[in-house]
Amino acid sequence: MVHWVSDPISGLCWGQVNTSMLYEKTSQKSMAEIELALRDSAARHKFGVIHVHDLQKTMKEKGVDFPNECMIFEVCNPHQAKRALEANPAISTVLPCRISVYQRGDERVISTFLPTAMMQLFESAGLEPIAREVETVVKAMIDESA
């Protein structure tokens, strides 16, 4: 399903999003509360948070005023990553998994590109079961953090 995404405050339209490739939940929690919940959930599910990109902060450091909060969490389960990389080393181009948390109006959106959709880009036997397993866990992490 494709729909237009726009900012409810400014009315600016950001473009089309194929929502069948994304999983997202909205939250009224603060960015700090979501970050803490996401880190806790990742640890419970044996995923590590490898890095967090704070896009608002990074842009400010580069002299760009970006008014909305936007953080990208790179998460990974090394055992699952190893299985995927053994099936196709090109998978490294889409690893680690990313969970984005961004401000949309008065709420925060926690979103990820679905691993099963991503693996369709690669024609390797054995990737789909790995992607399904990872996707189940990443969705649970998002649900638990929202």
N, C-alpha and C. Protein backbone atom coordinates (compact mmCIF):
# COMPACT_ATOMS: atom_id res chain seq x y z
N MET A 1 0.84 -1.17 0.00
CA MET A 1 0.00 0.00 0.00
C MET A 1 0.89 1.24 0.00
N VAL A 2 0.58 2.21 -0.83
CA VAL A 2 1.35 3.44 -0.92
C VAL A 2 0.45 4.58 -0.47
N HIS A 3 1.01 5.45 0.38
CA HIS A 3 0.25 6.64 0.75
C HIS A 3 1.21 7.81 0.91
N TRP A 4 0.64 9.02 0.84
CA TRP A 4 1.44 10.23 0.99
C TRP A 4 1.65 10.51 2.46
N VAL A 5 2.85 10.93 2.81
CA VAL A 5 3.18 11.27 4.18
C VAL A 5 3.35 12.78 4.26
N SER A 6 2.67 13.40 5.22
CA SER A 6 2.80 14.84 5.37
C SER A 6 2.88 15.20 6.85
N ASP A 7 3.46 16.36 7.11
CA ASP A 7 3.59 16.87 8.47
C ASP A 7 2.28 17.53 8.85
N PRO A 8 1.62 17.06 9.93
CA PRO A 8 0.32 17.62 10.29
C PRO A 8 0.38 19.07 10.75
N ILE A 9 1.55 19.53 11.17
CA ILE A 9 1.67 20.91 11.64
C ILE A 9 1.91 21.85 10.47
N SER A 10 2.93 21.57 9.67
CA SER A 10 3.28 22.46 8.56
C SER A 10 2.46 22.19 7.32
N GLY A 11 1.93 20.96 7.22
CA GLY A 11 1.20 20.59 6.02
C GLY A 11 2.10 20.19 4.86
N LEU A 12 3.42 20.25 5.07
CA LEU A 12 4.35 19.87 4.01
C LEU A 12 4.24 18.39 3.71
N CYS A 13 4.28 18.07 2.45
CA CYS A 13 4.18 16.68 2.03
C CYS A 13 5.58 16.14 1.79
N TRP A 14 5.90 15.02 2.42
CA TRP A 14 7.24 14.45 2.30
C TRP A 14 7.36 13.50 1.14
N GLY A 15 6.28 12.93 0.68
CA GLY A 15 6.36 12.01 -0.44
C GLY A 15 5.58 10.74 -0.19
N GLN A 16 5.76 9.80 -1.10
CA GLN A 16 5.04 8.54 -1.01
C GLN A 16 5.84 7.53 -0.22
N VAL A 17 5.15 6.71 0.53
CA VAL A 17 5.77 5.63 1.29
C VAL A 17 5.02 4.35 1.00
N ASN A 18 5.74 3.31 0.65
CA ASN A 18 5.14 2.00 0.47
C ASN A 18 5.07 1.37 1.86
N THR A 19 3.93 1.49 2.50
CA THR A 19 3.80 1.05 3.89
C THR A 19 3.84 -0.46 4.04
N SER A 20 3.69 -1.21 2.96
CA SER A 20 3.77 -2.66 3.09
C SER A 20 5.21 -3.11 3.35
N MET A 21 6.17 -2.23 3.16
CA MET A 21 7.57 -2.55 3.40
C MET A 21 8.05 -2.04 4.75
N LEU A 22 7.20 -1.30 5.44
CA LEU A 22 7.56 -0.71 6.73
C LEU A 22 6.69 -1.29 7.84
N TYR A 23 7.26 -1.29 9.03
CA TYR A 23 6.49 -1.59 10.23
C TYR A 23 6.66 -0.39 11.14
N GLU A 24 5.57 0.18 11.58
CA GLU A 24 5.69 1.35 12.45
C GLU A 24 4.61 1.38 13.52
N LYS A 25 4.98 1.98 14.62
CA LYS A 25 4.08 2.22 15.74
C LYS A 25 4.27 3.67 16.17
N THR A 26 3.19 4.28 16.63
CA THR A 26 3.30 5.63 17.16
C THR A 26 3.35 5.56 18.68
N SER A 27 3.92 6.61 19.27
CA SER A 27 4.07 6.66 20.72
C SER A 27 3.95 8.10 21.21
N GLN A 28 3.43 8.22 22.40
CA GLN A 28 3.39 9.52 23.08
C GLN A 28 4.58 9.67 24.02
N LYS A 29 5.42 8.65 24.12
CA LYS A 29 6.60 8.71 24.99
C LYS A 29 7.60 9.74 24.45
N SER A 30 8.45 10.21 25.34
CA SER A 30 9.54 11.10 24.92
C SER A 30 10.60 10.28 24.19
N MET A 31 11.47 10.97 23.47
CA MET A 31 12.55 10.28 22.77
C MET A 31 13.43 9.53 23.77
N ALA A 32 13.70 10.13 24.92
CA ALA A 32 14.54 9.48 25.94
C ALA A 32 13.87 8.22 26.48
N GLU A 33 12.56 8.25 26.69
CA GLU A 33 11.83 7.07 27.17
C GLU A 33 11.86 5.95 26.13
N ILE A 34 11.69 6.31 24.87
CA ILE A 34 11.73 5.31 23.80
C ILE A 34 13.12 4.72 23.70
N GLU A 35 14.14 5.56 23.78
CA GLU A 35 15.52 5.06 23.69
C GLU A 35 15.80 4.05 24.81
N LEU A 36 15.43 4.37 26.02
CA LEU A 36 15.64 3.46 27.15
C LEU A 36 14.88 2.14 26.94
N ALA A 37 13.62 2.24 26.54
CA ALA A 37 12.81 1.04 26.32
C ALA A 37 13.36 0.20 25.18
N LEU A 38 13.85 0.85 24.12
CA LEU A 38 14.39 0.12 22.98
C LEU A 38 15.68 -0.60 23.35
N ARG A 39 16.54 0.06 24.11
CA ARG A 39 17.78 -0.58 24.56
C ARG A 39 17.47 -1.80 25.46
N ASP A 40 16.52 -1.63 26.36
CA ASP A 40 16.13 -2.74 27.25
C ASP A 40 15.54 -3.90 26.45
N SER A 41 14.66 -3.59 25.52
CA SER A 41 14.03 -4.62 24.71
C SER A 41 15.06 -5.35 23.85
N ALA A 42 15.97 -4.61 23.26
CA ALA A 42 17.02 -5.22 22.42
C ALA A 42 17.83 -6.22 23.25
N ALA A 43 18.21 -5.82 24.45
CA ALA A 43 19.00 -6.71 25.30
C ALA A 43 18.22 -7.98 25.66
N ARG A 44 16.94 -7.82 25.97
CA ARG A 44 16.10 -8.99 26.30
C ARG A 44 16.00 -9.97 25.14
N HIS A 45 16.05 -9.43 23.93
CA HIS A 45 15.92 -10.27 22.73
C HIS A 45 17.28 -10.66 22.14
N LYS A 46 18.35 -10.42 22.92
CA LYS A 46 19.71 -10.79 22.51
C LYS A 46 20.18 -10.04 21.27
N PHE A 47 19.71 -8.80 21.13
CA PHE A 47 20.19 -7.89 20.10
C PHE A 47 21.02 -6.82 20.79
N GLY A 48 22.03 -6.35 20.11
CA GLY A 48 22.81 -5.24 20.64
C GLY A 48 22.48 -3.97 19.90
N VAL A 49 22.55 -2.84 20.59
CA VAL A 49 22.44 -1.55 19.93
C VAL A 49 23.88 -1.15 19.60
N ILE A 50 24.21 -1.22 18.33
CA ILE A 50 25.57 -0.98 17.88
C ILE A 50 25.90 0.51 17.88
N HIS A 51 24.96 1.31 17.39
CA HIS A 51 25.19 2.75 17.31
C HIS A 51 23.85 3.46 17.23
N VAL A 52 23.82 4.70 17.69
CA VAL A 52 22.63 5.53 17.56
C VAL A 52 23.04 6.81 16.83
N HIS A 53 22.36 7.07 15.73
CA HIS A 53 22.58 8.31 14.98
C HIS A 53 21.52 9.32 15.40
N ASP A 54 21.93 10.44 15.93
CA ASP A 54 21.02 11.53 16.29
C ASP A 54 21.08 12.52 15.13
N LEU A 55 20.15 12.41 14.19
CA LEU A 55 20.22 13.23 12.98
C LEU A 55 20.04 14.71 13.27
N GLN A 56 19.21 15.06 14.22
CA GLN A 56 19.01 16.47 14.56
C GLN A 56 20.32 17.08 15.06
N LYS A 57 21.01 16.36 15.94
CA LYS A 57 22.29 16.83 16.49
C LYS A 57 23.37 16.89 15.41
N THR A 58 23.46 15.85 14.60
CA THR A 58 24.47 15.82 13.55
C THR A 58 24.27 16.95 12.56
N MET A 59 23.03 17.18 12.16
CA MET A 59 22.76 18.27 11.22
C MET A 59 23.10 19.63 11.84
N LYS A 60 22.79 19.79 13.11
CA LYS A 60 23.11 21.06 13.78
C LYS A 60 24.62 21.30 13.76
N GLU A 61 25.40 20.23 14.01
CA GLU A 61 26.86 20.33 13.98
C GLU A 61 27.37 20.71 12.59
N LYS A 62 26.59 20.41 11.56
CA LYS A 62 26.95 20.72 10.17
C LYS A 62 26.35 22.05 9.72
N GLY A 63 25.70 22.77 10.65
CA GLY A 63 25.12 24.06 10.32
C GLY A 63 23.75 24.00 9.67
N VAL A 64 23.08 22.85 9.77
CA VAL A 64 21.76 22.68 9.18
C VAL A 64 20.73 22.62 10.30
N ASP A 65 19.73 23.50 10.21
CA ASP A 65 18.67 23.51 11.21
C ASP A 65 17.60 22.50 10.82
N PHE A 66 17.52 21.43 11.56
CA PHE A 66 16.49 20.40 11.35
C PHE A 66 15.66 20.37 12.62
N PRO A 67 14.43 20.85 12.60
CA PRO A 67 13.67 21.05 13.84
C PRO A 67 13.11 19.80 14.50
N ASN A 68 13.01 18.70 13.78
CA ASN A 68 12.37 17.51 14.34
C ASN A 68 13.38 16.51 14.88
N GLU A 69 12.99 15.86 16.00
CA GLU A 69 13.82 14.79 16.54
C GLU A 69 13.82 13.62 15.55
N CYS A 70 14.99 13.03 15.37
CA CYS A 70 15.09 11.86 14.51
C CYS A 70 16.34 11.09 14.91
N MET A 71 16.13 9.88 15.42
CA MET A 71 17.25 9.04 15.82
C MET A 71 17.14 7.70 15.12
N ILE A 72 18.29 7.17 14.72
CA ILE A 72 18.33 5.87 14.05
C ILE A 72 19.18 4.94 14.90
N PHE A 73 18.56 3.84 15.31
CA PHE A 73 19.23 2.85 16.14
C PHE A 73 19.66 1.68 15.25
N GLU A 74 20.95 1.41 15.24
CA GLU A 74 21.46 0.24 14.53
C GLU A 74 21.48 -0.91 15.52
N VAL A 75 20.72 -1.96 15.21
CA VAL A 75 20.61 -3.10 16.11
C VAL A 75 21.02 -4.38 15.38
N CYS A 76 21.56 -5.33 16.13
CA CYS A 76 22.02 -6.55 15.49
C CYS A 76 22.07 -7.71 16.47
N ASN A 77 21.70 -8.88 15.95
CA ASN A 77 21.94 -10.13 16.64
C ASN A 77 23.06 -10.80 15.84
N PRO A 78 24.25 -10.91 16.40
CA PRO A 78 25.40 -11.40 15.62
C PRO A 78 25.21 -12.81 15.06
N HIS A 79 24.48 -13.65 15.75
CA HIS A 79 24.26 -15.02 15.26
C HIS A 79 23.39 -15.01 13.99
N GLN A 80 22.34 -14.19 14.01
CA GLN A 80 21.49 -14.08 12.83
C GLN A 80 22.24 -13.41 11.68
N ALA A 81 23.03 -12.39 12.00
CA ALA A 81 23.82 -11.71 10.97
C ALA A 81 24.79 -12.69 10.30
N LYS A 82 25.42 -13.53 11.10
CA LYS A 82 26.36 -14.51 10.56
C LYS A 82 25.65 -15.45 9.60
N ARG A 83 24.48 -15.94 10.00
CA ARG A 83 23.71 -16.84 9.12
C ARG A 83 23.38 -16.16 7.79
N ALA A 84 22.95 -14.91 7.84
CA ALA A 84 22.59 -14.19 6.61
C ALA A 84 23.83 -13.94 5.74
N LEU A 85 24.92 -13.55 6.37
CA LEU A 85 26.15 -13.28 5.62
C LEU A 85 26.72 -14.54 4.98
N GLU A 86 26.56 -15.67 5.65
CA GLU A 86 27.02 -16.92 5.07
C GLU A 86 26.18 -17.28 3.83
N ALA A 87 24.91 -16.93 3.84
CA ALA A 87 24.04 -17.20 2.68
C ALA A 87 24.39 -16.28 1.51
N ASN A 88 24.74 -15.04 1.82
CA ASN A 88 25.08 -14.07 0.77
C ASN A 88 25.83 -12.90 1.38
N PRO A 89 27.14 -12.78 1.14
CA PRO A 89 27.92 -11.69 1.73
C PRO A 89 27.44 -10.29 1.34
N ALA A 90 26.71 -10.18 0.23
CA ALA A 90 26.18 -8.87 -0.18
C ALA A 90 25.15 -8.34 0.81
N ILE A 91 24.64 -9.21 1.68
CA ILE A 91 23.70 -8.79 2.73
C ILE A 91 24.36 -7.71 3.61
N SER A 92 25.67 -7.69 3.64
CA SER A 92 26.38 -6.69 4.44
C SER A 92 25.97 -5.27 4.06
N THR A 93 25.46 -5.07 2.85
CA THR A 93 25.06 -3.73 2.42
C THR A 93 23.81 -3.23 3.14
N VAL A 94 23.06 -4.13 3.77
CA VAL A 94 21.83 -3.73 4.47
C VAL A 94 21.87 -4.05 5.96
N LEU A 95 23.03 -4.42 6.45
CA LEU A 95 23.19 -4.68 7.88
C LEU A 95 23.88 -3.50 8.54
N PRO A 96 23.67 -3.27 9.79
CA PRO A 96 22.75 -3.94 10.70
C PRO A 96 21.31 -3.45 10.47
N CYS A 97 20.38 -4.08 11.15
CA CYS A 97 18.98 -3.62 11.11
C CYS A 97 18.91 -2.22 11.69
N ARG A 98 18.00 -1.44 11.17
CA ARG A 98 17.84 -0.06 11.64
C ARG A 98 16.42 0.16 12.12
N ILE A 99 16.32 0.80 13.26
CA ILE A 99 15.02 1.21 13.79
C ILE A 99 15.08 2.73 13.91
N SER A 100 14.17 3.39 13.23
CA SER A 100 14.14 4.85 13.23
C SER A 100 13.06 5.33 14.19
N VAL A 101 13.39 6.36 14.94
CA VAL A 101 12.42 7.01 15.82
C VAL A 101 12.42 8.48 15.44
N TYR A 102 11.27 8.95 14.99
CA TYR A 102 11.22 10.34 14.55
C TYR A 102 9.94 11.02 15.00
N GLN A 103 10.02 12.32 15.04
CA GLN A 103 8.90 13.15 15.47
C GLN A 103 7.99 13.40 14.28
N ARG A 104 6.71 13.19 14.51
CA ARG A 104 5.69 13.53 13.51
C ARG A 104 4.57 14.23 14.26
N GLY A 105 4.55 15.54 14.16
CA GLY A 105 3.59 16.32 14.92
C GLY A 105 3.90 16.21 16.40
N ASP A 106 2.91 15.83 17.20
CA ASP A 106 3.07 15.71 18.65
C ASP A 106 3.45 14.31 19.09
N GLU A 107 3.61 13.39 18.15
CA GLU A 107 3.93 12.02 18.52
C GLU A 107 5.27 11.59 17.94
N ARG A 108 5.73 10.44 18.37
CA ARG A 108 6.95 9.85 17.82
C ARG A 108 6.54 8.59 17.07
N VAL A 109 7.23 8.34 15.99
CA VAL A 109 7.00 7.15 15.18
C VAL A 109 8.23 6.27 15.31
N ILE A 110 8.01 5.01 15.61
CA ILE A 110 9.09 4.02 15.69
C ILE A 110 8.88 3.12 14.48
N SER A 111 9.89 3.04 13.61
CA SER A 111 9.69 2.40 12.33
C SER A 111 10.91 1.61 11.88
N THR A 112 10.67 0.58 11.10
CA THR A 112 11.77 -0.18 10.49
C THR A 112 11.35 -0.63 9.11
N PHE A 113 12.33 -0.83 8.26
CA PHE A 113 12.12 -1.44 6.96
C PHE A 113 12.08 -2.94 7.22
N LEU A 114 11.05 -3.61 6.80
CA LEU A 114 10.86 -5.03 7.12
C LEU A 114 11.98 -5.91 6.52
N PRO A 115 12.63 -6.70 7.37
CA PRO A 115 13.68 -7.58 6.86
C PRO A 115 13.20 -8.52 5.74
N THR A 116 11.95 -9.00 5.81
CA THR A 116 11.46 -9.88 4.75
C THR A 116 11.37 -9.13 3.41
N ALA A 117 10.99 -7.87 3.45
CA ALA A 117 10.94 -7.07 2.22
C ALA A 117 12.35 -6.80 1.70
N MET A 118 13.26 -6.53 2.62
CA MET A 118 14.64 -6.24 2.24
C MET A 118 15.31 -7.45 1.60
N MET A 119 15.05 -8.64 2.13
CA MET A 119 15.70 -9.84 1.63
C MET A 119 15.22 -10.21 0.23
N GLN A 120 14.08 -9.66 -0.18
CA GLN A 120 13.61 -9.91 -1.54
C GLN A 120 14.55 -9.30 -2.59
N LEU A 121 15.39 -8.38 -2.16
CA LEU A 121 16.36 -7.77 -3.07
C LEU A 121 17.50 -8.73 -3.41
N PHE A 122 17.66 -9.75 -2.60
CA PHE A 122 18.75 -10.70 -2.76
C PHE A 122 18.17 -12.07 -3.14
N GLU A 123 18.77 -12.68 -4.12
CA GLU A 123 18.28 -13.99 -4.56
C GLU A 123 19.18 -15.08 -4.00
N SER A 124 18.97 -15.37 -2.74
CA SER A 124 19.77 -16.40 -2.08
C SER A 124 18.87 -17.35 -1.31
N ALA A 125 19.10 -18.63 -1.53
CA ALA A 125 18.33 -19.63 -0.81
C ALA A 125 18.62 -19.52 0.69
N GLY A 126 17.60 -19.70 1.48
CA GLY A 126 17.79 -19.73 2.92
C GLY A 126 17.68 -18.39 3.62
N LEU A 127 17.53 -17.29 2.89
CA LEU A 127 17.44 -15.99 3.55
C LEU A 127 16.06 -15.71 4.15
N GLU A 128 15.02 -16.23 3.53
CA GLU A 128 13.68 -15.90 3.99
C GLU A 128 13.40 -16.34 5.42
N PRO A 129 13.78 -17.55 5.83
CA PRO A 129 13.52 -17.94 7.23
C PRO A 129 14.30 -17.06 8.23
N ILE A 130 15.51 -16.68 7.88
CA ILE A 130 16.31 -15.80 8.75
C ILE A 130 15.61 -14.46 8.87
N ALA A 131 15.18 -13.92 7.73
CA ALA A 131 14.51 -12.61 7.72
C ALA A 131 13.23 -12.66 8.54
N ARG A 132 12.45 -13.75 8.44
CA ARG A 132 11.21 -13.87 9.23
C ARG A 132 11.51 -13.88 10.72
N GLU A 133 12.54 -14.64 11.11
CA GLU A 133 12.91 -14.70 12.54
C GLU A 133 13.33 -13.32 13.05
N VAL A 134 14.18 -12.64 12.30
CA VAL A 134 14.65 -11.31 12.71
C VAL A 134 13.49 -10.33 12.74
N GLU A 135 12.64 -10.38 11.73
CA GLU A 135 11.50 -9.47 11.66
C GLU A 135 10.57 -9.62 12.86
N THR A 136 10.31 -10.84 13.27
CA THR A 136 9.46 -11.09 14.43
C THR A 136 10.03 -10.41 15.67
N VAL A 137 11.34 -10.52 15.85
CA VAL A 137 11.98 -9.92 17.02
C VAL A 137 12.00 -8.40 16.92
N VAL A 138 12.34 -7.86 15.76
CA VAL A 138 12.40 -6.40 15.61
C VAL A 138 11.02 -5.78 15.82
N LYS A 139 9.97 -6.43 15.31
CA LYS A 139 8.61 -5.93 15.55
C LYS A 139 8.29 -5.95 17.05
N ALA A 140 8.69 -7.01 17.74
CA ALA A 140 8.44 -7.10 19.19
C ALA A 140 9.19 -5.98 19.90
N MET A 141 10.40 -5.69 19.49
CA MET A 141 11.19 -4.61 20.12
C MET A 141 10.48 -3.27 19.93
N ILE A 142 9.95 -3.05 18.74
CA ILE A 142 9.23 -1.79 18.48
C ILE A 142 7.95 -1.73 19.32
N ASP A 143 7.20 -2.83 19.35
CA ASP A 143 5.96 -2.86 20.15
C ASP A 143 6.25 -2.60 21.62
N GLU A 144 7.29 -3.22 22.13
CA GLU A 144 7.65 -3.05 23.54
C GLU A 144 8.15 -1.64 23.85
N SER A 145 8.68 -0.96 22.86
CA SER A 145 9.24 0.38 23.07
C SER A 145 8.22 1.48 22.93
N ALA A 146 7.15 1.19 22.20
CA ALA A 146 6.13 2.22 21.94
C ALA A 146 5.32 2.49 23.20
